[in-house]
Amino acid sequence: MKILQQLKSRWGITSNWQVLVILIVFACTGFTALYARRFVFNLIGIIDTDPFWLKAVVWLVTILPLYNIFLLIYGALFGQFDFFWAFFKKMMSRMVPGKSGSGG
């Protein structure tokens, strides 16, 4: 149960139920991104024998943004949009130079 307390503290939440819902959202998002990757790679024509660098670039340009969209969609569907919107802004502030993460 110590890990639940750590997650609640780190995420600024109080309920074990909310931790469970947030973990479910992350799981659903990951599975959806996995299927989206297959779909996008097939659509573009990327195959197993293509170089890793090409697959990595396509993944970064297509799947990473889709992952963030899926995260917000699932977060809204599971009633945790505010948490995931704050999570998204914090993540973007770390990924994009010059972004403060405090906007809108």
PDB file of N, CA and C in Angstrom:
ATOM      1  N   MET A   1       0.810  -1.203   0.000  1.00  0.00           N
ATOM      2  CA  MET A   1       0.000   0.000   0.000  1.00  0.00           C
ATOM      3  C   MET A   1       0.851   1.264   0.000  1.00  0.00           C
ATOM      4  N   LYS A   2       2.150   1.114   0.280  1.00  0.00           N
ATOM      5  CA  LYS A   2       3.034   2.271   0.287  1.00  0.00           C
ATOM      6  C   LYS A   2       3.092   2.927  -1.093  1.00  0.00           C
ATOM      7  N   ILE A   3       3.052   2.111  -2.145  1.00  0.00           N
ATOM      8  CA  ILE A   3       3.117   2.670  -3.494  1.00  0.00           C
ATOM      9  C   ILE A   3       1.878   3.524  -3.796  1.00  0.00           C
ATOM     10  N   LEU A   4       0.725   3.123  -3.287  1.00  0.00           N
ATOM     11  CA  LEU A   4      -0.483   3.935  -3.480  1.00  0.00           C
ATOM     12  C   LEU A   4      -0.322   5.302  -2.824  1.00  0.00           C
ATOM     13  N   GLN A   5       0.241   5.312  -1.629  1.00  0.00           N
ATOM     14  CA  GLN A   5       0.466   6.580  -0.930  1.00  0.00           C
ATOM     15  C   GLN A   5       1.448   7.455  -1.709  1.00  0.00           C
ATOM     16  N   GLN A   6       2.474   6.846  -2.266  1.00  0.00           N
ATOM     17  CA  GLN A   6       3.455   7.598  -3.048  1.00  0.00           C
ATOM     18  C   GLN A   6       2.820   8.183  -4.303  1.00  0.00           C
ATOM     19  N   LEU A   7       2.006   7.389  -4.981  1.00  0.00           N
ATOM     20  CA  LEU A   7       1.333   7.891  -6.178  1.00  0.00           C
ATOM     21  C   LEU A   7       0.370   9.023  -5.837  1.00  0.00           C
ATOM     22  N   LYS A   8      -0.392   8.845  -4.789  1.00  0.00           N
ATOM     23  CA  LYS A   8      -1.339   9.890  -4.382  1.00  0.00           C
ATOM     24  C   LYS A   8      -0.599  11.184  -4.046  1.00  0.00           C
ATOM     25  N   SER A   9       0.494  11.057  -3.350  1.00  0.00           N
ATOM     26  CA  SER A   9       1.277  12.233  -2.986  1.00  0.00           C
ATOM     27  C   SER A   9       1.880  12.905  -4.221  1.00  0.00           C
ATOM     28  N   ARG A  10       2.456  12.094  -5.092  1.00  0.00           N
ATOM     29  CA  ARG A  10       3.095  12.624  -6.299  1.00  0.00           C
ATOM     30  C   ARG A  10       2.087  13.290  -7.236  1.00  0.00           C
ATOM     31  N   TRP A  11       0.919  12.685  -7.370  1.00  0.00           N
ATOM     32  CA  TRP A  11      -0.092  13.190  -8.289  1.00  0.00           C
ATOM     33  C   TRP A  11      -1.029  14.215  -7.655  1.00  0.00           C
ATOM     34  N   GLY A  12      -0.928  14.419  -6.363  1.00  0.00           N
ATOM     35  CA  GLY A  12      -1.769  15.400  -5.697  1.00  0.00           C
ATOM     36  C   GLY A  12      -3.227  14.982  -5.604  1.00  0.00           C
ATOM     37  N   ILE A  13      -3.465  13.705  -5.368  1.00  0.00           N
ATOM     38  CA  ILE A  13      -4.831  13.199  -5.238  1.00  0.00           C
ATOM     39  C   ILE A  13      -4.976  12.522  -3.872  1.00  0.00           C
ATOM     40  N   THR A  14      -6.213  12.230  -3.486  1.00  0.00           N
ATOM     41  CA  THR A  14      -6.432  11.685  -2.146  1.00  0.00           C
ATOM     42  C   THR A  14      -7.066  10.303  -2.147  1.00  0.00           C
ATOM     43  N   SER A  15      -7.625   9.887  -3.247  1.00  0.00           N
ATOM     44  CA  SER A  15      -8.422   8.667  -3.282  1.00  0.00           C
ATOM     45  C   SER A  15      -7.686   7.501  -3.945  1.00  0.00           C
ATOM     46  N   ASN A  16      -7.764   6.325  -3.319  1.00  0.00           N
ATOM     47  CA  ASN A  16      -7.234   5.113  -3.953  1.00  0.00           C
ATOM     48  C   ASN A  16      -7.990   4.810  -5.236  1.00  0.00           C
ATOM     49  N   TRP A  17      -9.277   5.102  -5.237  1.00  0.00           N
ATOM     50  CA  TRP A  17     -10.109   4.883  -6.422  1.00  0.00           C
ATOM     51  C   TRP A  17      -9.592   5.716  -7.592  1.00  0.00           C
ATOM     52  N   GLN A  18      -9.224   6.967  -7.332  1.00  0.00           N
ATOM     53  CA  GLN A  18      -8.717   7.827  -8.391  1.00  0.00           C
ATOM     54  C   GLN A  18      -7.386   7.301  -8.926  1.00  0.00           C
ATOM     55  N   VAL A  19      -6.550   6.761  -8.061  1.00  0.00           N
ATOM     56  CA  VAL A  19      -5.291   6.146  -8.516  1.00  0.00           C
ATOM     57  C   VAL A  19      -5.603   5.012  -9.482  1.00  0.00           C
ATOM     58  N   LEU A  20      -6.548   4.155  -9.112  1.00  0.00           N
ATOM     59  CA  LEU A  20      -6.930   3.039  -9.966  1.00  0.00           C
ATOM     60  C   LEU A  20      -7.437   3.521 -11.323  1.00  0.00           C
ATOM     61  N   VAL A  21      -8.297   4.524 -11.311  1.00  0.00           N
ATOM     62  CA  VAL A  21      -8.847   5.054 -12.570  1.00  0.00           C
ATOM     63  C   VAL A  21      -7.735   5.640 -13.432  1.00  0.00           C
ATOM     64  N   ILE A  22      -6.818   6.370 -12.824  1.00  0.00           N
ATOM     65  CA  ILE A  22      -5.706   6.963 -13.575  1.00  0.00           C
ATOM     66  C   ILE A  22      -4.826   5.871 -14.184  1.00  0.00           C
ATOM     67  N   LEU A  23      -4.545   4.817 -13.446  1.00  0.00           N
ATOM     68  CA  LEU A  23      -3.749   3.712 -13.978  1.00  0.00           C
ATOM     69  C   LEU A  23      -4.476   3.006 -15.120  1.00  0.00           C
ATOM     70  N   ILE A  24      -5.797   2.881 -15.009  1.00  0.00           N
ATOM     71  CA  ILE A  24      -6.584   2.286 -16.090  1.00  0.00           C
ATOM     72  C   ILE A  24      -6.510   3.162 -17.337  1.00  0.00           C
ATOM     73  N   VAL A  25      -6.574   4.474 -17.159  1.00  0.00           N
ATOM     74  CA  VAL A  25      -6.464   5.391 -18.301  1.00  0.00           C
ATOM     75  C   VAL A  25      -5.111   5.229 -18.979  1.00  0.00           C
ATOM     76  N   PHE A  26      -4.038   5.161 -18.195  1.00  0.00           N
ATOM     77  CA  PHE A  26      -2.711   4.959 -18.791  1.00  0.00           C
ATOM     78  C   PHE A  26      -2.655   3.624 -19.547  1.00  0.00           C
ATOM     79  N   ALA A  27      -3.242   2.582 -19.000  1.00  0.00           N
ATOM     80  CA  ALA A  27      -3.229   1.271 -19.664  1.00  0.00           C
ATOM     81  C   ALA A  27      -4.014   1.314 -20.975  1.00  0.00           C
ATOM     82  N   CYS A  28      -5.194   1.888 -20.939  1.00  0.00           N
ATOM     83  CA  CYS A  28      -6.019   1.989 -22.156  1.00  0.00           C
ATOM     84  C   CYS A  28      -5.310   2.812 -23.225  1.00  0.00           C
ATOM     85  N   THR A  29      -4.679   3.894 -22.800  1.00  0.00           N
ATOM     86  CA  THR A  29      -3.955   4.750 -23.738  1.00  0.00           C
ATOM     87  C   THR A  29      -2.791   3.993 -24.372  1.00  0.00           C
ATOM     88  N   GLY A  30      -2.063   3.242 -23.570  1.00  0.00           N
ATOM     89  CA  GLY A  30      -0.939   2.475 -24.100  1.00  0.00           C
ATOM     90  C   GLY A  30      -1.370   1.439 -25.120  1.00  0.00           C
ATOM     91  N   PHE A  31      -2.450   0.707 -24.806  1.00  0.00           N
ATOM     92  CA  PHE A  31      -2.945  -0.290 -25.759  1.00  0.00           C
ATOM     93  C   PHE A  31      -3.446   0.371 -27.038  1.00  0.00           C
ATOM     94  N   THR A  32      -4.123   1.489 -26.913  1.00  0.00           N
ATOM     95  CA  THR A  32      -4.626   2.187 -28.089  1.00  0.00           C
ATOM     96  C   THR A  32      -3.469   2.697 -28.941  1.00  0.00           C
ATOM     97  N   ALA A  33      -2.435   3.225 -28.310  1.00  0.00           N
ATOM     98  CA  ALA A  33      -1.265   3.702 -29.055  1.00  0.00           C
ATOM     99  C   ALA A  33      -0.573   2.547 -29.769  1.00  0.00           C
ATOM    100  N   LEU A  34      -0.562   1.388 -29.141  1.00  0.00           N
ATOM    101  CA  LEU A  34       0.031   0.208 -29.763  1.00  0.00           C
ATOM    102  C   LEU A  34      -0.714  -0.156 -31.053  1.00  0.00           C
ATOM    103  N   TYR A  35      -2.033  -0.175 -30.982  1.00  0.00           N
ATOM    104  CA  TYR A  35      -2.831  -0.470 -32.173  1.00  0.00           C
ATOM    105  C   TYR A  35      -2.732   0.647 -33.203  1.00  0.00           C
ATOM    106  N   ALA A  36      -2.652   1.887 -32.744  1.00  0.00           N
ATOM    107  CA  ALA A  36      -2.504   3.017 -33.672  1.00  0.00           C
ATOM    108  C   ALA A  36      -1.182   2.916 -34.416  1.00  0.00           C
ATOM    109  N   ARG A  37      -0.136   2.487 -33.710  1.00  0.00           N
ATOM    110  CA  ARG A  37       1.166   2.319 -34.355  1.00  0.00           C
ATOM    111  C   ARG A  37       1.077   1.304 -35.482  1.00  0.00           C
ATOM    112  N   ARG A  38       0.460   0.166 -35.196  1.00  0.00           N
ATOM    113  CA  ARG A  38       0.301  -0.851 -36.249  1.00  0.00           C
ATOM    114  C   ARG A  38      -0.443  -0.280 -37.446  1.00  0.00           C
ATOM    115  N   PHE A  39      -1.536   0.422 -37.169  1.00  0.00           N
ATOM    116  CA  PHE A  39      -2.351   0.995 -38.235  1.00  0.00           C
ATOM    117  C   PHE A  39      -1.559   2.015 -39.048  1.00  0.00           C
ATOM    118  N   VAL A  40      -0.903   2.939 -38.366  1.00  0.00           N
ATOM    119  CA  VAL A  40      -0.152   4.000 -39.047  1.00  0.00           C
ATOM    120  C   VAL A  40       1.009   3.411 -39.835  1.00  0.00           C
ATOM    121  N   PHE A  41       1.743   2.487 -39.232  1.00  0.00           N
ATOM    122  CA  PHE A  41       2.875   1.888 -39.934  1.00  0.00           C
ATOM    123  C   PHE A  41       2.405   1.122 -41.173  1.00  0.00           C
ATOM    124  N   ASN A  42       1.301   0.403 -41.066  1.00  0.00           N
ATOM    125  CA  ASN A  42       0.764  -0.299 -42.237  1.00  0.00           C
ATOM    126  C   ASN A  42       0.295   0.691 -43.294  1.00  0.00           C
ATOM    127  N   LEU A  43      -0.338   1.760 -42.865  1.00  0.00           N
ATOM    128  CA  LEU A  43      -0.837   2.780 -43.790  1.00  0.00           C
ATOM    129  C   LEU A  43       0.300   3.429 -44.570  1.00  0.00           C
ATOM    130  N   ILE A  44       1.391   3.711 -43.881  1.00  0.00           N
ATOM    131  CA  ILE A  44       2.548   4.356 -44.502  1.00  0.00           C
ATOM    132  C   ILE A  44       3.395   3.351 -45.266  1.00  0.00           C
ATOM    133  N   GLY A  45       3.310   2.080 -44.899  1.00  0.00           N
ATOM    134  CA  GLY A  45       4.089   1.054 -45.580  1.00  0.00           C
ATOM    135  C   GLY A  45       5.385   0.701 -44.873  1.00  0.00           C
ATOM    136  N   ILE A  46       5.482   1.038 -43.605  1.00  0.00           N
ATOM    137  CA  ILE A  46       6.667   0.689 -42.816  1.00  0.00           C
ATOM    138  C   ILE A  46       6.593  -0.806 -42.490  1.00  0.00           C
ATOM    139  N   ILE A  47       7.686  -1.517 -42.750  1.00  0.00           N
ATOM    140  CA  ILE A  47       7.721  -2.957 -42.464  1.00  0.00           C
ATOM    141  C   ILE A  47       8.871  -3.262 -41.504  1.00  0.00           C
ATOM    142  N   ASP A  48       8.912  -4.486 -41.008  1.00  0.00           N
ATOM    143  CA  ASP A  48       9.911  -4.887 -40.011  1.00  0.00           C
ATOM    144  C   ASP A  48      11.346  -4.681 -40.480  1.00  0.00           C
ATOM    145  N   THR A  49      11.579  -4.816 -41.779  1.00  0.00           N
ATOM    146  CA  THR A  49      12.949  -4.716 -42.287  1.00  0.00           C
ATOM    147  C   THR A  49      13.400  -3.273 -42.518  1.00  0.00           C
ATOM    148  N   ASP A  50      12.517  -2.318 -42.365  1.00  0.00           N
ATOM    149  CA  ASP A  50      12.920  -0.916 -42.494  1.00  0.00           C
ATOM    150  C   ASP A  50      13.871  -0.558 -41.359  1.00  0.00           C
ATOM    151  N   PRO A  51      14.752   0.415 -41.600  1.00  0.00           N
ATOM    152  CA  PRO A  51      15.726   0.772 -40.558  1.00  0.00           C
ATOM    153  C   PRO A  51      15.049   1.324 -39.298  1.00  0.00           C
ATOM    154  N   PHE A  52      15.692   1.054 -38.175  1.00  0.00           N
ATOM    155  CA  PHE A  52      15.146   1.492 -36.895  1.00  0.00           C
ATOM    156  C   PHE A  52      14.957   3.008 -36.854  1.00  0.00           C
ATOM    157  N   TRP A  53      15.935   3.755 -37.394  1.00  0.00           N
ATOM    158  CA  TRP A  53      15.854   5.213 -37.334  1.00  0.00           C
ATOM    159  C   TRP A  53      14.596   5.715 -38.026  1.00  0.00           C
ATOM    160  N   LEU A  54      14.201   5.069 -39.137  1.00  0.00           N
ATOM    161  CA  LEU A  54      12.995   5.473 -39.862  1.00  0.00           C
ATOM    162  C   LEU A  54      11.755   5.202 -39.022  1.00  0.00           C
ATOM    163  N   LYS A  55      11.710   4.030 -38.414  1.00  0.00           N
ATOM    164  CA  LYS A  55      10.566   3.697 -37.555  1.00  0.00           C
ATOM    165  C   LYS A  55      10.494   4.645 -36.364  1.00  0.00           C
ATOM    166  N   ALA A  56      11.649   4.993 -35.800  1.00  0.00           N
ATOM    167  CA  ALA A  56      11.677   5.896 -34.647  1.00  0.00           C
ATOM    168  C   ALA A  56      11.171   7.286 -35.028  1.00  0.00           C
ATOM    169  N   VAL A  57      11.592   7.782 -36.177  1.00  0.00           N
ATOM    170  CA  VAL A  57      11.154   9.110 -36.623  1.00  0.00           C
ATOM    171  C   VAL A  57       9.647   9.114 -36.884  1.00  0.00           C
ATOM    172  N   VAL A  58       9.159   8.098 -37.574  1.00  0.00           N
ATOM    173  CA  VAL A  58       7.714   8.018 -37.850  1.00  0.00           C
ATOM    174  C   VAL A  58       6.939   7.909 -36.542  1.00  0.00           C
ATOM    175  N   TRP A  59       7.450   7.129 -35.597  1.00  0.00           N
ATOM    176  CA  TRP A  59       6.787   6.996 -34.303  1.00  0.00           C
ATOM    177  C   TRP A  59       6.719   8.342 -33.596  1.00  0.00           C
ATOM    178  N   LEU A  60       7.840   9.063 -33.561  1.00  0.00           N
ATOM    179  CA  LEU A  60       7.871  10.366 -32.877  1.00  0.00           C
ATOM    180  C   LEU A  60       6.922  11.375 -33.509  1.00  0.00           C
ATOM    181  N   VAL A  61       6.827  11.351 -34.830  1.00  0.00           N
ATOM    182  CA  VAL A  61       6.005  12.338 -35.531  1.00  0.00           C
ATOM    183  C   VAL A  61       4.526  11.982 -35.496  1.00  0.00           C
ATOM    184  N   THR A  62       4.191  10.706 -35.445  1.00  0.00           N
ATOM    185  CA  THR A  62       2.778  10.316 -35.518  1.00  0.00           C
ATOM    186  C   THR A  62       2.223   9.779 -34.203  1.00  0.00           C
ATOM    187  N   ILE A  63       2.872   8.805 -33.635  1.00  0.00           N
ATOM    188  CA  ILE A  63       2.295   8.101 -32.489  1.00  0.00           C
ATOM    189  C   ILE A  63       2.416   8.909 -31.201  1.00  0.00           C
ATOM    190  N   LEU A  64       3.514   9.595 -30.981  1.00  0.00           N
ATOM    191  CA  LEU A  64       3.648  10.380 -29.758  1.00  0.00           C
ATOM    192  C   LEU A  64       2.547  11.434 -29.634  1.00  0.00           C
ATOM    193  N   PRO A  65       2.254  12.213 -30.670  1.00  0.00           N
ATOM    194  CA  PRO A  65       1.126  13.151 -30.555  1.00  0.00           C
ATOM    195  C   PRO A  65      -0.215  12.434 -30.369  1.00  0.00           C
ATOM    196  N   LEU A  66      -0.394  11.309 -31.066  1.00  0.00           N
ATOM    197  CA  LEU A  66      -1.632  10.548 -30.901  1.00  0.00           C
ATOM    198  C   LEU A  66      -1.777  10.033 -29.468  1.00  0.00           C
ATOM    199  N   TYR A  67      -0.675   9.607 -28.872  1.00  0.00           N
ATOM    200  CA  TYR A  67      -0.705   9.124 -27.492  1.00  0.00           C
ATOM    201  C   TYR A  67      -1.266  10.208 -26.569  1.00  0.00           C
ATOM    202  N   ASN A  68      -0.799  11.423 -26.745  1.00  0.00           N
ATOM    203  CA  ASN A  68      -1.271  12.522 -25.904  1.00  0.00           C
ATOM    204  C   ASN A  68      -2.756  12.807 -26.126  1.00  0.00           C
ATOM    205  N   ILE A  69      -3.198  12.707 -27.360  1.00  0.00           N
ATOM    206  CA  ILE A  69      -4.625  12.900 -27.658  1.00  0.00           C
ATOM    207  C   ILE A  69      -5.441  11.779 -27.022  1.00  0.00           C
ATOM    208  N   PHE A  70      -4.975  10.547 -27.170  1.00  0.00           N
ATOM    209  CA  PHE A  70      -5.674   9.409 -26.551  1.00  0.00           C
ATOM    210  C   PHE A  70      -5.733   9.567 -25.034  1.00  0.00           C
ATOM    211  N   LEU A  71      -4.650  10.045 -24.450  1.00  0.00           N
ATOM    212  CA  LEU A  71      -4.606  10.233 -23.002  1.00  0.00           C
ATOM    213  C   LEU A  71      -5.690  11.212 -22.550  1.00  0.00           C
ATOM    214  N   LEU A  72      -5.844  12.301 -23.272  1.00  0.00           N
ATOM    215  CA  LEU A  72      -6.876  13.281 -22.920  1.00  0.00           C
ATOM    216  C   LEU A  72      -8.283  12.734 -23.162  1.00  0.00           C
ATOM    217  N   ILE A  73      -8.454  11.986 -24.247  1.00  0.00           N
ATOM    218  CA  ILE A  73      -9.772  11.398 -24.540  1.00  0.00           C
ATOM    219  C   ILE A  73     -10.164  10.391 -23.461  1.00  0.00           C
ATOM    220  N   TYR A  74      -9.260   9.459 -23.164  1.00  0.00           N
ATOM    221  CA  TYR A  74      -9.571   8.474 -22.122  1.00  0.00           C
ATOM    222  C   TYR A  74      -9.730   9.152 -20.759  1.00  0.00           C
ATOM    223  N   GLY A  75      -8.915  10.147 -20.498  1.00  0.00           N
ATOM    224  CA  GLY A  75      -9.048  10.880 -19.246  1.00  0.00           C
ATOM    225  C   GLY A  75     -10.428  11.498 -19.115  1.00  0.00           C
ATOM    226  N   ALA A  76     -10.945  12.066 -20.202  1.00  0.00           N
ATOM    227  CA  ALA A  76     -12.286  12.653 -20.179  1.00  0.00           C
ATOM    228  C   ALA A  76     -13.351  11.568 -20.021  1.00  0.00           C
ATOM    229  N   LEU A  77     -13.190  10.465 -20.745  1.00  0.00           N
ATOM    230  CA  LEU A  77     -14.176   9.376 -20.654  1.00  0.00           C
ATOM    231  C   LEU A  77     -14.251   8.779 -19.248  1.00  0.00           C
ATOM    232  N   PHE A  78     -13.125   8.758 -18.553  1.00  0.00           N
ATOM    233  CA  PHE A  78     -13.088   8.190 -17.205  1.00  0.00           C
ATOM    234  C   PHE A  78     -13.239   9.256 -16.112  1.00  0.00           C
ATOM    235  N   GLY A  79     -13.590  10.492 -16.519  1.00  0.00           N
ATOM    236  CA  GLY A  79     -13.850  11.547 -15.547  1.00  0.00           C
ATOM    237  C   GLY A  79     -12.610  12.157 -14.912  1.00  0.00           C
ATOM    238  N   GLN A  80     -11.465  12.041 -15.567  1.00  0.00           N
ATOM    239  CA  GLN A  80     -10.210  12.545 -15.010  1.00  0.00           C
ATOM    240  C   GLN A  80      -9.535  13.545 -15.951  1.00  0.00           C
ATOM    241  N   PHE A  81     -10.341  14.275 -16.732  1.00  0.00           N
ATOM    242  CA  PHE A  81      -9.775  15.182 -17.722  1.00  0.00           C
ATOM    243  C   PHE A  81      -8.864  16.228 -17.071  1.00  0.00           C
ATOM    244  N   ASP A  82      -9.299  16.811 -15.955  1.00  0.00           N
ATOM    245  CA  ASP A  82      -8.496  17.855 -15.312  1.00  0.00           C
ATOM    246  C   ASP A  82      -7.118  17.340 -14.917  1.00  0.00           C
ATOM    247  N   PHE A  83      -7.065  16.139 -14.374  1.00  0.00           N
ATOM    248  CA  PHE A  83      -5.779  15.544 -14.003  1.00  0.00           C
ATOM    249  C   PHE A  83      -4.898  15.375 -15.241  1.00  0.00           C
ATOM    250  N   PHE A  84      -5.465  14.829 -16.320  1.00  0.00           N
ATOM    251  CA  PHE A  84      -4.652  14.551 -17.499  1.00  0.00           C
ATOM    252  C   PHE A  84      -4.328  15.809 -18.288  1.00  0.00           C
ATOM    253  N   TRP A  85      -5.159  16.838 -18.209  1.00  0.00           N
ATOM    254  CA  TRP A  85      -4.829  18.106 -18.847  1.00  0.00           C
ATOM    255  C   TRP A  85      -3.612  18.717 -18.136  1.00  0.00           C
ATOM    256  N   ALA A  86      -3.609  18.689 -16.802  1.00  0.00           N
ATOM    257  CA  ALA A  86      -2.455  19.185 -16.042  1.00  0.00           C
ATOM    258  C   ALA A  86      -1.219  18.327 -16.333  1.00  0.00           C
ATOM    259  N   PHE A  87      -1.409  17.009 -16.419  1.00  0.00           N
ATOM    260  CA  PHE A  87      -0.318  16.090 -16.725  1.00  0.00           C
ATOM    261  C   PHE A  87       0.257  16.408 -18.111  1.00  0.00           C
ATOM    262  N   PHE A  88      -0.620  16.639 -19.077  1.00  0.00           N
ATOM    263  CA  PHE A  88      -0.206  16.963 -20.446  1.00  0.00           C
ATOM    264  C   PHE A  88       0.602  18.264 -20.474  1.00  0.00           C
ATOM    265  N   LYS A  89       0.106  19.294 -19.802  1.00  0.00           N
ATOM    266  CA  LYS A  89       0.814  20.574 -19.783  1.00  0.00           C
ATOM    267  C   LYS A  89       2.187  20.436 -19.138  1.00  0.00           C
ATOM    268  N   LYS A  90       2.265  19.661 -18.065  1.00  0.00           N
ATOM    269  CA  LYS A  90       3.542  19.455 -17.387  1.00  0.00           C
ATOM    270  C   LYS A  90       4.513  18.700 -18.303  1.00  0.00           C
ATOM    271  N   MET A  91       4.003  17.691 -18.995  1.00  0.00           N
ATOM    272  CA  MET A  91       4.834  16.910 -19.907  1.00  0.00           C
ATOM    273  C   MET A  91       5.334  17.797 -21.057  1.00  0.00           C
ATOM    274  N   MET A  92       4.449  18.630 -21.590  1.00  0.00           N
ATOM    275  CA  MET A  92       4.848  19.503 -22.697  1.00  0.00           C
ATOM    276  C   MET A  92       5.892  20.520 -22.246  1.00  0.00           C
ATOM    277  N   SER A  93       5.770  21.004 -21.020  1.00  0.00           N
ATOM    278  CA  SER A  93       6.749  21.970 -20.525  1.00  0.00           C
ATOM    279  C   SER A  93       8.130  21.337 -20.416  1.00  0.00           C
ATOM    280  N   ARG A  94       8.164  20.028 -20.219  1.00  0.00           N
ATOM    281  CA  ARG A  94       9.454  19.323 -20.150  1.00  0.00           C
ATOM    282  C   ARG A  94       9.993  18.980 -21.530  1.00  0.00           C
ATOM    283  N   MET A  95       9.105  18.796 -22.501  1.00  0.00           N
ATOM    284  CA  MET A  95       9.516  18.361 -23.837  1.00  0.00           C
ATOM    285  C   MET A  95       9.823  19.518 -24.778  1.00  0.00           C
ATOM    286  N   VAL A  96       9.099  20.630 -24.629  1.00  0.00           N
ATOM    287  CA  VAL A  96       9.228  21.730 -25.562  1.00  0.00           C
ATOM    288  C   VAL A  96       9.938  22.894 -24.879  1.00  0.00           C
ATOM    289  N   PRO A  97      11.106  23.254 -25.367  1.00  0.00           N
ATOM    290  CA  PRO A  97      11.812  24.371 -24.751  1.00  0.00           C
ATOM    291  C   PRO A  97      11.000  25.655 -24.847  1.00  0.00           C
ATOM    292  N   GLY A  98      11.023  26.437 -23.782  1.00  0.00           N
ATOM    293  CA  GLY A  98      10.326  27.721 -23.788  1.00  0.00           C
ATOM    294  C   GLY A  98       8.875  27.641 -23.355  1.00  0.00           C
ATOM    295  N   LYS A  99       8.341  26.419 -23.183  1.00  0.00           N
ATOM    296  CA  LYS A  99       6.958  26.264 -22.714  1.00  0.00           C
ATOM    297  C   LYS A  99       6.968  26.242 -21.199  1.00  0.00           C
ATOM    298  N   SER A 100       6.081  27.020 -20.597  1.00  0.00           N
ATOM    299  CA  SER A 100       6.052  27.059 -19.137  1.00  0.00           C
ATOM    300  C   SER A 100       5.083  26.027 -18.569  1.00  0.00           C
ATOM    301  N   GLY A 101       4.137  25.562 -19.389  1.00  0.00           N
ATOM    302  CA  GLY A 101       3.164  24.598 -18.906  1.00  0.00           C
ATOM    303  C   GLY A 101       2.052  25.217 -18.103  1.00  0.00           C
ATOM    304  N   SER A 102       1.996  26.550 -18.052  1.00  0.00           N
ATOM    305  CA  SER A 102       0.973  27.199 -17.249  1.00  0.00           C
ATOM    306  C   SER A 102      -0.154  27.775 -18.092  1.00  0.00           C
ATOM    307  N   GLY A 103      -0.097  27.604 -19.397  1.00  0.00           N
ATOM    308  CA  GLY A 103      -1.124  28.193 -20.268  1.00  0.00           C
ATOM    309  C   GLY A 103      -2.424  27.462 -20.229  1.00  0.00           C
ATOM    310  N   GLY A 104      -3.515  28.171 -20.595  1.00  0.00           N
ATOM    311  CA  GLY A 104      -4.876  27.744 -20.768  1.00  0.00           C
ATOM    312  C   GLY A 104      -5.374  26.611 -20.078  1.00  0.00           C
TER     313      GLY A 104
END
